[in-house]
Amino acid sequence: LQMMTGQGGWPLNIFLSPDDLVPF
């Protein structure tokens, strides 16, 4: 998340590809 948006925190809500669990 920090790589994608430059920041993080909770709740952490993220979408993963089902075949390999890589977030997008």
PDB file of all heavy atoms in Angstrom:
ATOM      1  N   LEU A   1       0.836  -1.205   0.000  1.00  0.00           N
ATOM      2  CA  LEU A   1       0.000   0.000   0.000  1.00  0.00           C
ATOM      3  C   LEU A   1       0.868   1.251   0.000  1.00  0.00           C
ATOM      4  O   LEU A   1       0.587   2.225  -0.720  1.00  0.00           O
ATOM      5  CB  LEU A   1      -0.928  -0.006   1.214  1.00  0.00           C
ATOM      6  CG  LEU A   1      -1.831   1.221   1.352  1.00  0.00           C
ATOM      7  CD1 LEU A   1      -2.830   1.302   0.201  1.00  0.00           C
ATOM      8  CD2 LEU A   1      -2.565   1.213   2.692  1.00  0.00           C
ATOM      9  N   GLN A   2       1.925   1.253   0.805  1.00  0.00           N
ATOM     10  CA  GLN A   2       2.807   2.416   0.847  1.00  0.00           C
ATOM     11  C   GLN A   2       3.515   2.628  -0.486  1.00  0.00           C
ATOM     12  O   GLN A   2       3.740   3.770  -0.902  1.00  0.00           O
ATOM     13  CB  GLN A   2       3.812   2.242   1.988  1.00  0.00           C
ATOM     14  CG  GLN A   2       3.174   2.336   3.366  1.00  0.00           C
ATOM     15  CD  GLN A   2       4.086   1.887   4.487  1.00  0.00           C
ATOM     16  OE1 GLN A   2       5.000   1.103   4.273  1.00  0.00           O
ATOM     17  NE2 GLN A   2       3.837   2.372   5.687  1.00  0.00           N
ATOM     18  N   MET A   3       3.828   1.540  -1.184  1.00  0.00           N
ATOM     19  CA  MET A   3       4.421   1.663  -2.517  1.00  0.00           C
ATOM     20  C   MET A   3       3.420   2.274  -3.497  1.00  0.00           C
ATOM     21  O   MET A   3       3.782   3.090  -4.353  1.00  0.00           O
ATOM     22  CB  MET A   3       4.857   0.292  -3.028  1.00  0.00           C
ATOM     23  CG  MET A   3       6.060  -0.295  -2.345  1.00  0.00           C
ATOM     24  SD  MET A   3       6.415  -1.963  -2.955  1.00  0.00           S
ATOM     25  CE  MET A   3       7.895  -2.366  -2.018  1.00  0.00           C
ATOM     26  N   MET A   4       2.150   1.878  -3.376  1.00  0.00           N
ATOM     27  CA  MET A   4       1.135   2.325  -4.328  1.00  0.00           C
ATOM     28  C   MET A   4       0.657   3.746  -4.068  1.00  0.00           C
ATOM     29  O   MET A   4       0.382   4.502  -5.003  1.00  0.00           O
ATOM     30  CB  MET A   4      -0.060   1.365  -4.289  1.00  0.00           C
ATOM     31  CG  MET A   4       0.224   0.000  -4.881  1.00  0.00           C
ATOM     32  SD  MET A   4      -1.270  -1.037  -5.039  1.00  0.00           S
ATOM     33  CE  MET A   4      -1.510  -1.535  -3.354  1.00  0.00           C
ATOM     34  N   THR A   5       0.547   4.130  -2.791  1.00  0.00           N
ATOM     35  CA  THR A   5      -0.091   5.409  -2.460  1.00  0.00           C
ATOM     36  C   THR A   5       0.829   6.382  -1.739  1.00  0.00           C
ATOM     37  O   THR A   5       0.480   7.551  -1.585  1.00  0.00           O
ATOM     38  CB  THR A   5      -1.334   5.169  -1.581  1.00  0.00           C
ATOM     39  OG1 THR A   5      -0.917   4.681  -0.293  1.00  0.00           O
ATOM     40  CG2 THR A   5      -2.283   4.170  -2.216  1.00  0.00           C
ATOM     41  N   GLY A   6       1.972   5.911  -1.262  1.00  0.00           N
ATOM     42  CA  GLY A   6       2.873   6.786  -0.523  1.00  0.00           C
ATOM     43  C   GLY A   6       2.549   6.910   0.944  1.00  0.00           C
ATOM     44  O   GLY A   6       3.222   7.634   1.681  1.00  0.00           O
ATOM     45  N   GLN A   7       1.515   6.230   1.402  1.00  0.00           N
ATOM     46  CA  GLN A   7       1.155   6.288   2.815  1.00  0.00           C
ATOM     47  C   GLN A   7       0.425   5.013   3.206  1.00  0.00           C
ATOM     48  O   GLN A   7       0.005   4.232   2.357  1.00  0.00           O
ATOM     49  CB  GLN A   7       0.269   7.500   3.105  1.00  0.00           C
ATOM     50  CG  GLN A   7      -1.016   7.535   2.282  1.00  0.00           C
ATOM     51  CD  GLN A   7      -1.793   8.815   2.489  1.00  0.00           C
ATOM     52  OE1 GLN A   7      -1.396   9.680   3.266  1.00  0.00           O
ATOM     53  NE2 GLN A   7      -2.912   8.946   1.815  1.00  0.00           N
ATOM     54  N   GLY A   8       0.287   4.803   4.511  1.00  0.00           N
ATOM     55  CA  GLY A   8      -0.388   3.608   5.007  1.00  0.00           C
ATOM     56  C   GLY A   8      -1.194   3.928   6.238  1.00  0.00           C
ATOM     57  O   GLY A   8      -1.377   5.083   6.608  1.00  0.00           O
ATOM     58  N   GLY A   9      -1.689   2.896   6.884  1.00  0.00           N
ATOM     59  CA  GLY A   9      -2.494   3.059   8.089  1.00  0.00           C
ATOM     60  C   GLY A   9      -3.595   2.021   8.123  1.00  0.00           C
ATOM     61  O   GLY A   9      -3.751   1.215   7.195  1.00  0.00           O
ATOM     62  N   TRP A  10      -4.343   2.052   9.207  1.00  0.00           N
ATOM     63  CA  TRP A  10      -5.437   1.093   9.373  1.00  0.00           C
ATOM     64  C   TRP A  10      -6.747   1.833   9.548  1.00  0.00           C
ATOM     65  O   TRP A  10      -6.772   2.905  10.144  1.00  0.00           O
ATOM     66  CB  TRP A  10      -5.151   0.205  10.585  1.00  0.00           C
ATOM     67  CG  TRP A  10      -3.918  -0.617  10.393  1.00  0.00           C
ATOM     68  CD1 TRP A  10      -3.805  -1.795   9.729  1.00  0.00           C
ATOM     69  CD2 TRP A  10      -2.596  -0.296  10.844  1.00  0.00           C
ATOM     70  NE1 TRP A  10      -2.499  -2.228   9.735  1.00  0.00           N
ATOM     71  CE2 TRP A  10      -1.738  -1.324  10.418  1.00  0.00           C
ATOM     72  CE3 TRP A  10      -2.058   0.770  11.583  1.00  0.00           C
ATOM     73  CZ2 TRP A  10      -0.383  -1.316  10.706  1.00  0.00           C
ATOM     74  CZ3 TRP A  10      -0.718   0.774  11.871  1.00  0.00           C
ATOM     75  CH2 TRP A  10       0.110  -0.264  11.424  1.00  0.00           C
ATOM     76  N   PRO A  11      -7.834   1.279   8.997  1.00  0.00           N
ATOM     77  CA  PRO A  11      -7.917  -0.020   8.335  1.00  0.00           C
ATOM     78  C   PRO A  11      -7.141  -0.029   7.014  1.00  0.00           C
ATOM     79  O   PRO A  11      -7.131   0.958   6.283  1.00  0.00           O
ATOM     80  CB  PRO A  11      -9.410  -0.208   8.073  1.00  0.00           C
ATOM     81  CG  PRO A  11      -9.950   1.200   7.975  1.00  0.00           C
ATOM     82  CD  PRO A  11      -9.136   1.990   8.966  1.00  0.00           C
ATOM     83  N   LEU A  12      -6.509  -1.151   6.747  1.00  0.00           N
ATOM     84  CA  LEU A  12      -5.809  -1.376   5.484  1.00  0.00           C
ATOM     85  C   LEU A  12      -6.756  -2.163   4.580  1.00  0.00           C
ATOM     86  O   LEU A  12      -7.091  -3.304   4.866  1.00  0.00           O
ATOM     87  CB  LEU A  12      -4.532  -2.160   5.742  1.00  0.00           C
ATOM     88  CG  LEU A  12      -3.824  -2.829   4.553  1.00  0.00           C
ATOM     89  CD1 LEU A  12      -3.510  -1.837   3.456  1.00  0.00           C
ATOM     90  CD2 LEU A  12      -2.561  -3.522   5.017  1.00  0.00           C
ATOM     91  N   ASN A  13      -7.199  -1.541   3.504  1.00  0.00           N
ATOM     92  CA  ASN A  13      -8.122  -2.169   2.563  1.00  0.00           C
ATOM     93  C   ASN A  13      -7.445  -2.260   1.206  1.00  0.00           C
ATOM     94  O   ASN A  13      -7.080  -1.239   0.616  1.00  0.00           O
ATOM     95  CB  ASN A  13      -9.410  -1.348   2.469  1.00  0.00           C
ATOM     96  CG  ASN A  13     -10.190  -1.348   3.772  1.00  0.00           C
ATOM     97  OD1 ASN A  13     -10.497  -2.403   4.306  1.00  0.00           O
ATOM     98  ND2 ASN A  13     -10.481  -0.166   4.306  1.00  0.00           N
ATOM     99  N   ILE A  14      -7.279  -3.482   0.706  1.00  0.00           N
ATOM    100  CA  ILE A  14      -6.480  -3.674  -0.488  1.00  0.00           C
ATOM    101  C   ILE A  14      -7.080  -4.804  -1.337  1.00  0.00           C
ATOM    102  O   ILE A  14      -7.663  -5.752  -0.803  1.00  0.00           O
ATOM    103  CB  ILE A  14      -5.017  -3.970  -0.096  1.00  0.00           C
ATOM    104  CG1 ILE A  14      -4.051  -3.742  -1.246  1.00  0.00           C
ATOM    105  CG2 ILE A  14      -4.865  -5.340   0.529  1.00  0.00           C
ATOM    106  CD1 ILE A  14      -2.598  -3.601  -0.812  1.00  0.00           C
ATOM    107  N   PHE A  15      -6.965  -4.675  -2.642  1.00  0.00           N
ATOM    108  CA  PHE A  15      -7.556  -5.634  -3.575  1.00  0.00           C
ATOM    109  C   PHE A  15      -6.453  -6.500  -4.169  1.00  0.00           C
ATOM    110  O   PHE A  15      -5.438  -5.998  -4.662  1.00  0.00           O
ATOM    111  CB  PHE A  15      -8.307  -4.902  -4.686  1.00  0.00           C
ATOM    112  CG  PHE A  15      -9.473  -4.093  -4.170  1.00  0.00           C
ATOM    113  CD1 PHE A  15      -9.300  -2.780  -3.750  1.00  0.00           C
ATOM    114  CD2 PHE A  15     -10.746  -4.654  -4.106  1.00  0.00           C
ATOM    115  CE1 PHE A  15     -10.368  -2.029  -3.278  1.00  0.00           C
ATOM    116  CE2 PHE A  15     -11.818  -3.914  -3.639  1.00  0.00           C
ATOM    117  CZ  PHE A  15     -11.634  -2.600  -3.211  1.00  0.00           C
ATOM    118  N   LEU A  16      -6.659  -7.826  -4.133  1.00  0.00           N
ATOM    119  CA  LEU A  16      -5.661  -8.783  -4.594  1.00  0.00           C
ATOM    120  C   LEU A  16      -6.175  -9.561  -5.794  1.00  0.00           C
ATOM    121  O   LEU A  16      -7.359  -9.904  -5.869  1.00  0.00           O
ATOM    122  CB  LEU A  16      -5.310  -9.786  -3.484  1.00  0.00           C
ATOM    123  CG  LEU A  16      -5.108  -9.283  -2.058  1.00  0.00           C
ATOM    124  CD1 LEU A  16      -4.738 -10.455  -1.151  1.00  0.00           C
ATOM    125  CD2 LEU A  16      -4.065  -8.192  -1.997  1.00  0.00           C
ATOM    126  N   SER A  17      -5.267  -9.870  -6.691  1.00  0.00           N
ATOM    127  CA  SER A  17      -5.596 -10.761  -7.796  1.00  0.00           C
ATOM    128  C   SER A  17      -5.724 -12.184  -7.246  1.00  0.00           C
ATOM    129  O   SER A  17      -4.856 -12.630  -6.491  1.00  0.00           O
ATOM    130  CB  SER A  17      -4.496 -10.688  -8.850  1.00  0.00           C
ATOM    131  OG  SER A  17      -4.789 -11.526  -9.935  1.00  0.00           O
ATOM    132  N   PRO A  18      -6.775 -12.911  -7.595  1.00  0.00           N
ATOM    133  CA  PRO A  18      -7.010 -14.212  -6.962  1.00  0.00           C
ATOM    134  C   PRO A  18      -6.014 -15.297  -7.351  1.00  0.00           C
ATOM    135  O   PRO A  18      -5.803 -16.242  -6.593  1.00  0.00           O
ATOM    136  CB  PRO A  18      -8.419 -14.580  -7.436  1.00  0.00           C
ATOM    137  CG  PRO A  18      -8.591 -13.853  -8.725  1.00  0.00           C
ATOM    138  CD  PRO A  18      -7.846 -12.558  -8.552  1.00  0.00           C
ATOM    139  N   ASP A  19      -5.370 -15.154  -8.502  1.00  0.00           N
ATOM    140  CA  ASP A  19      -4.485 -16.227  -8.956  1.00  0.00           C
ATOM    141  C   ASP A  19      -3.131 -16.233  -8.264  1.00  0.00           C
ATOM    142  O   ASP A  19      -2.499 -17.282  -8.113  1.00  0.00           O
ATOM    143  CB  ASP A  19      -4.285 -16.142 -10.477  1.00  0.00           C
ATOM    144  CG  ASP A  19      -3.744 -14.792 -10.908  1.00  0.00           C
ATOM    145  OD1 ASP A  19      -4.055 -13.783 -10.241  1.00  0.00           O
ATOM    146  OD2 ASP A  19      -3.019 -14.730 -11.922  1.00  0.00           O
ATOM    147  N   ASP A  20      -2.667 -15.053  -7.804  1.00  0.00           N
ATOM    148  CA  ASP A  20      -1.322 -14.985  -7.225  1.00  0.00           C
ATOM    149  C   ASP A  20      -1.232 -14.126  -5.966  1.00  0.00           C
ATOM    150  O   ASP A  20      -0.151 -13.961  -5.401  1.00  0.00           O
ATOM    151  CB  ASP A  20      -0.328 -14.470  -8.261  1.00  0.00           C
ATOM    152  CG  ASP A  20      -0.771 -13.158  -8.904  1.00  0.00           C
ATOM    153  OD1 ASP A  20      -1.683 -12.500  -8.364  1.00  0.00           O
ATOM    154  OD2 ASP A  20      -0.198 -12.802  -9.950  1.00  0.00           O
ATOM    155  N   LEU A  21      -2.366 -13.534  -5.539  1.00  0.00           N
ATOM    156  CA  LEU A  21      -2.445 -12.717  -4.322  1.00  0.00           C
ATOM    157  C   LEU A  21      -1.623 -11.436  -4.392  1.00  0.00           C
ATOM    158  O   LEU A  21      -1.291 -10.836  -3.370  1.00  0.00           O
ATOM    159  CB  LEU A  21      -2.032 -13.530  -3.086  1.00  0.00           C
ATOM    160  CG  LEU A  21      -2.773 -14.846  -2.854  1.00  0.00           C
ATOM    161  CD1 LEU A  21      -2.318 -15.492  -1.556  1.00  0.00           C
ATOM    162  CD2 LEU A  21      -4.280 -14.645  -2.851  1.00  0.00           C
ATOM    163  N   VAL A  22      -1.286 -10.995  -5.606  1.00  0.00           N
ATOM    164  CA  VAL A  22      -0.572  -9.730  -5.771  1.00  0.00           C
ATOM    165  C   VAL A  22      -1.581  -8.584  -5.700  1.00  0.00           C
ATOM    166  O   VAL A  22      -2.611  -8.619  -6.367  1.00  0.00           O
ATOM    167  CB  VAL A  22       0.185  -9.694  -7.110  1.00  0.00           C
ATOM    168  CG1 VAL A  22       0.849  -8.334  -7.312  1.00  0.00           C
ATOM    169  CG2 VAL A  22       1.218 -10.807  -7.163  1.00  0.00           C
ATOM    170  N   PRO A  23      -1.322  -7.554  -4.906  1.00  0.00           N
ATOM    171  CA  PRO A  23      -2.255  -6.421  -4.804  1.00  0.00           C
ATOM    172  C   PRO A  23      -2.152  -5.502  -6.013  1.00  0.00           C
ATOM    173  O   PRO A  23      -1.092  -5.397  -6.633  1.00  0.00           O
ATOM    174  CB  PRO A  23      -1.790  -5.710  -3.539  1.00  0.00           C
ATOM    175  CG  PRO A  23      -0.330  -6.000  -3.472  1.00  0.00           C
ATOM    176  CD  PRO A  23      -0.158  -7.393  -4.026  1.00  0.00           C
ATOM    177  N   PHE A  24      -3.262  -4.836  -6.328  1.00  0.00           N
ATOM    178  CA  PHE A  24      -3.215  -3.899  -7.455  1.00  0.00           C
ATOM    179  C   PHE A  24      -3.916  -2.576  -7.186  1.00  0.00           C
ATOM    180  O   PHE A  24      -3.695  -1.604  -7.893  1.00  0.00           O
ATOM    181  CB  PHE A  24      -3.774  -4.548  -8.731  1.00  0.00           C
ATOM    182  CG  PHE A  24      -5.189  -5.052  -8.620  1.00  0.00           C
ATOM    183  CD1 PHE A  24      -6.260  -4.263  -9.018  1.00  0.00           C
ATOM    184  CD2 PHE A  24      -5.447  -6.330  -8.141  1.00  0.00           C
ATOM    185  CE1 PHE A  24      -7.561  -4.732  -8.934  1.00  0.00           C
ATOM    186  CE2 PHE A  24      -6.747  -6.809  -8.063  1.00  0.00           C
ATOM    187  CZ  PHE A  24      -7.813  -6.006  -8.455  1.00  0.00           C
TER     188      PHE A  24
END
